[in-house]
C-alpha atoms as a PDB file:
ATOM      1  CA  MET A   1     101.151 -24.873 -10.102  1.00  0.00           C
ATOM      2  CA  ARG A   2      98.385 -22.450 -11.049  1.00  0.00           C
ATOM      3  CA  ILE A   3      97.532 -21.482  -6.834  1.00  0.00           C
ATOM      4  CA  TRP A   4     102.298 -21.906  -6.102  1.00  0.00           C
ATOM      5  CA  LEU A   5     102.630 -19.089  -7.968  1.00  0.00           C
ATOM      6  CA  ASN A   6      99.731 -16.827  -7.141  1.00  0.00           C
ATOM      7  CA  GLU A   7     100.550 -17.572  -3.691  1.00  0.00           C
ATOM      8  CA  HIS A   8     104.042 -16.706  -4.285  1.00  0.00           C
ATOM      9  CA  ILE A   9     103.523 -13.210  -6.294  1.00  0.00           C
ATOM     10  CA  ALA A  10     100.957 -12.253  -3.317  1.00  0.00           C
ATOM     11  CA  LEU A  11     104.027 -12.216  -1.055  1.00  0.00           C
ATOM     12  CA  VAL A  12     106.080 -10.293  -3.192  1.00  0.00           C
ATOM     13  CA  ALA A  13     103.499  -7.858  -3.198  1.00  0.00           C
ATOM     14  CA  ALA A  14     102.612  -7.607   0.274  1.00  0.00           C
ATOM     15  CA  ILE A  15     106.567  -7.318   0.652  1.00  0.00           C
ATOM     16  CA  LEU A  16     106.987  -3.884  -2.143  1.00  0.00           C
ATOM     17  CA  CYS A  17     103.811  -2.459   0.234  1.00  0.00           C
ATOM     18  CA  VAL A  18     105.794  -2.649   3.003  1.00  0.00           C
ATOM     19  CA  THR A  19     109.448  -2.143   2.162  1.00  0.00           C
ATOM     20  CA  ASN A  20     107.541   1.244  -0.196  1.00  0.00           C
ATOM     21  CA  GLY A  21     106.077   2.363   3.129  1.00  0.00           C
ATOM     22  CA  ILE A  22     108.997   1.766   5.258  1.00  0.00           C
ATOM     23  CA  ALA A  23     111.030   3.935   2.388  1.00  0.00           C
ATOM     24  CA  PHE A  24     108.369   6.537   2.410  1.00  0.00           C
ATOM     25  CA  VAL A  25     107.503   6.814   5.988  1.00  0.00           C
ATOM     26  CA  MET A  26     111.210   7.739   6.371  1.00  0.00           C
ATOM     27  CA  MET A  27     111.878   9.937   3.955  1.00  0.00           C
ATOM     28  CA  TRP A  28     108.863  12.613   5.690  1.00  0.00           C
ATOM     29  CA  VAL A  29     110.258  11.373   8.737  1.00  0.00           C
ATOM     30  CA  ASP A  30     114.192  12.934   8.136  1.00  0.00           C
ATOM     31  CA  LYS A  31     112.246  15.845   6.305  1.00  0.00           C
ATOM     32  CA  ARG A  32     110.577  16.389   9.677  1.00  0.00           C
ATOM     33  CA  ARG A  33     114.058  15.831  12.058  1.00  0.00           C
ATOM     34  CA  ALA A  34     115.461  18.497   9.666  1.00  0.00           C
ATOM     35  CA  GLN A  35     112.725  20.713   9.138  1.00  0.00           C
ATOM     36  CA  ARG A  36     113.121  20.944  13.478  1.00  0.00           C
ATOM     37  CA  HIS A  37     117.682  21.159  12.974  1.00  0.00           C
ATOM     38  CA  ALA A  38     117.202  17.285  14.984  1.00  0.00           C
ATOM     39  CA  TRP A  39     118.674  14.367  15.310  1.00  0.00           C
ATOM     40  CA  ARG A  40     118.259  12.859  10.919  1.00  0.00           C
ATOM     41  CA  ILE A  41     118.455   9.206   9.257  1.00  0.00           C
ATOM     42  CA  PRO A  42     121.951   9.198   8.336  1.00  0.00           C
ATOM     43  CA  GLU A  43     121.814   9.406   3.995  1.00  0.00           C
ATOM     44  CA  ARG A  44     123.315   6.300   3.410  1.00  0.00           C
ATOM     45  CA  THR A  45     120.396   3.952   4.933  1.00  0.00           C
ATOM     46  CA  LEU A  46     117.969   6.237   2.948  1.00  0.00           C
ATOM     47  CA  LEU A  47     119.339   5.033  -0.153  1.00  0.00           C
ATOM     48  CA  LEU A  48     119.508   1.436   1.209  1.00  0.00           C
ATOM     49  CA  SER A  49     115.464   1.965   1.938  1.00  0.00           C
ATOM     50  CA  ALA A  50     115.494   2.837  -1.625  1.00  0.00           C
ATOM     51  CA  VAL A  51     117.969  -0.525  -3.051  1.00  0.00           C
ATOM     52  CA  CYS A  52     116.378  -2.708  -0.674  1.00  0.00           C
ATOM     53  CA  PHE A  53     112.651  -2.697  -3.036  1.00  0.00           C
ATOM     54  CA  GLY A  54     111.378   0.740  -1.560  1.00  0.00           C
ATOM     55  CA  GLY A  55     112.358   3.089  -5.038  1.00  0.00           C
ATOM     56  CA  ILE A  56     108.975   3.730  -5.570  1.00  0.00           C
ATOM     57  CA  GLY A  57     107.946   4.994  -2.138  1.00  0.00           C
ATOM     58  CA  SER A  58     110.980   6.961  -2.140  1.00  0.00           C
ATOM     59  CA  PHE A  59     110.581   8.350  -5.107  1.00  0.00           C
ATOM     60  CA  LEU A  60     107.643   9.350  -3.777  1.00  0.00           C
ATOM     61  CA  GLY A  61     108.714  10.401  -0.891  1.00  0.00           C
ATOM     62  CA  MET A  62     111.439  12.649  -1.638  1.00  0.00           C
ATOM     63  CA  TYR A  63     109.797  15.012  -4.691  1.00  0.00           C
ATOM     64  CA  GLY A  64     105.989  14.264  -1.838  1.00  0.00           C
ATOM     65  CA  PHE A  65     107.791  16.602   0.500  1.00  0.00           C
ATOM     66  CA  ARG A  66     111.139  17.944  -1.869  1.00  0.00           C
ATOM     67  CA  HIS A  67     113.518  15.737   0.106  1.00  0.00           C
ATOM     68  CA  LYS A  68     116.687  15.224  -0.535  1.00  0.00           C
ATOM     69  CA  THR A  69     115.990  16.856  -4.531  1.00  0.00           C
ATOM     70  CA  LYS A  70     119.334  18.443  -4.580  1.00  0.00           C
ATOM     71  CA  HIS A  71     121.904  15.786  -3.952  1.00  0.00           C
ATOM     72  CA  THR A  72     123.090  14.136  -6.793  1.00  0.00           C
ATOM     73  CA  VAL A  73     122.970  10.567  -5.680  1.00  0.00           C
ATOM     74  CA  PHE A  74     119.246  10.460  -4.754  1.00  0.00           C
ATOM     75  CA  ARG A  75     118.928  12.582  -7.786  1.00  0.00           C
ATOM     76  CA  VAL A  76     120.218   9.154  -9.700  1.00  0.00           C
ATOM     77  CA  VAL A  77     120.186   6.470  -7.409  1.00  0.00           C
ATOM     78  CA  VAL A  78     115.889   6.549  -5.676  1.00  0.00           C
ATOM     79  CA  PRO A  79     114.778   6.479 -10.104  1.00  0.00           C
ATOM     80  CA  ILE A  80     116.847   3.980 -10.685  1.00  0.00           C
ATOM     81  CA  ALA A  81     116.297   1.757  -7.693  1.00  0.00           C
ATOM     82  CA  ALA A  82     111.656   2.846  -8.627  1.00  0.00           C
ATOM     83  CA  ALA A  83     112.030   1.546 -12.483  1.00  0.00           C
ATOM     84  CA  VAL A  84     113.243  -1.479 -11.342  1.00  0.00           C
ATOM     85  CA  GLN A  85     110.878  -2.152  -8.635  1.00  0.00           C
ATOM     86  CA  ILE A  86     108.317  -1.428 -11.363  1.00  0.00           C
ATOM     87  CA  GLY A  87     110.040  -3.411 -14.225  1.00  0.00           C
ATOM     88  CA  ILE A  88     109.439  -6.276 -11.777  1.00  0.00           C
ATOM     89  CA  LEU A  89     105.821  -5.445 -11.001  1.00  0.00           C
ATOM     90  CA  LEU A  90     104.185  -5.173 -14.547  1.00  0.00           C
ATOM     91  CA  ALA A  91     107.135  -8.922 -15.275  1.00  0.00           C
ATOM     92  CA  LEU A  92     104.824 -10.239 -11.909  1.00  0.00           C
ATOM     93  CA  PHE A  93     101.112  -9.661 -12.969  1.00  0.00           C
ATOM     94  CA  LEU A  94     101.585  -9.389 -16.915  1.00  0.00           C
END
């Protein structure tokens, strides 16, 4: 039973690492495209990446790159998504 649980926790942790990495990179790419006046990633896609278990990566990217910090929806949704994700991680590892 314990081995089964450890495998699932490792799988969830790996999925969270990948989704957060993707969300972080998406924020960086969109910021670079904004600076170059190039085609942008839609806001809906950025928010969806935050809600689909990329909240921590989106939060770090948002404030690390100072991107989308003036948009109210991002200031509300992304921290909530990050808090939910942190809660899931705490529940899994404590």
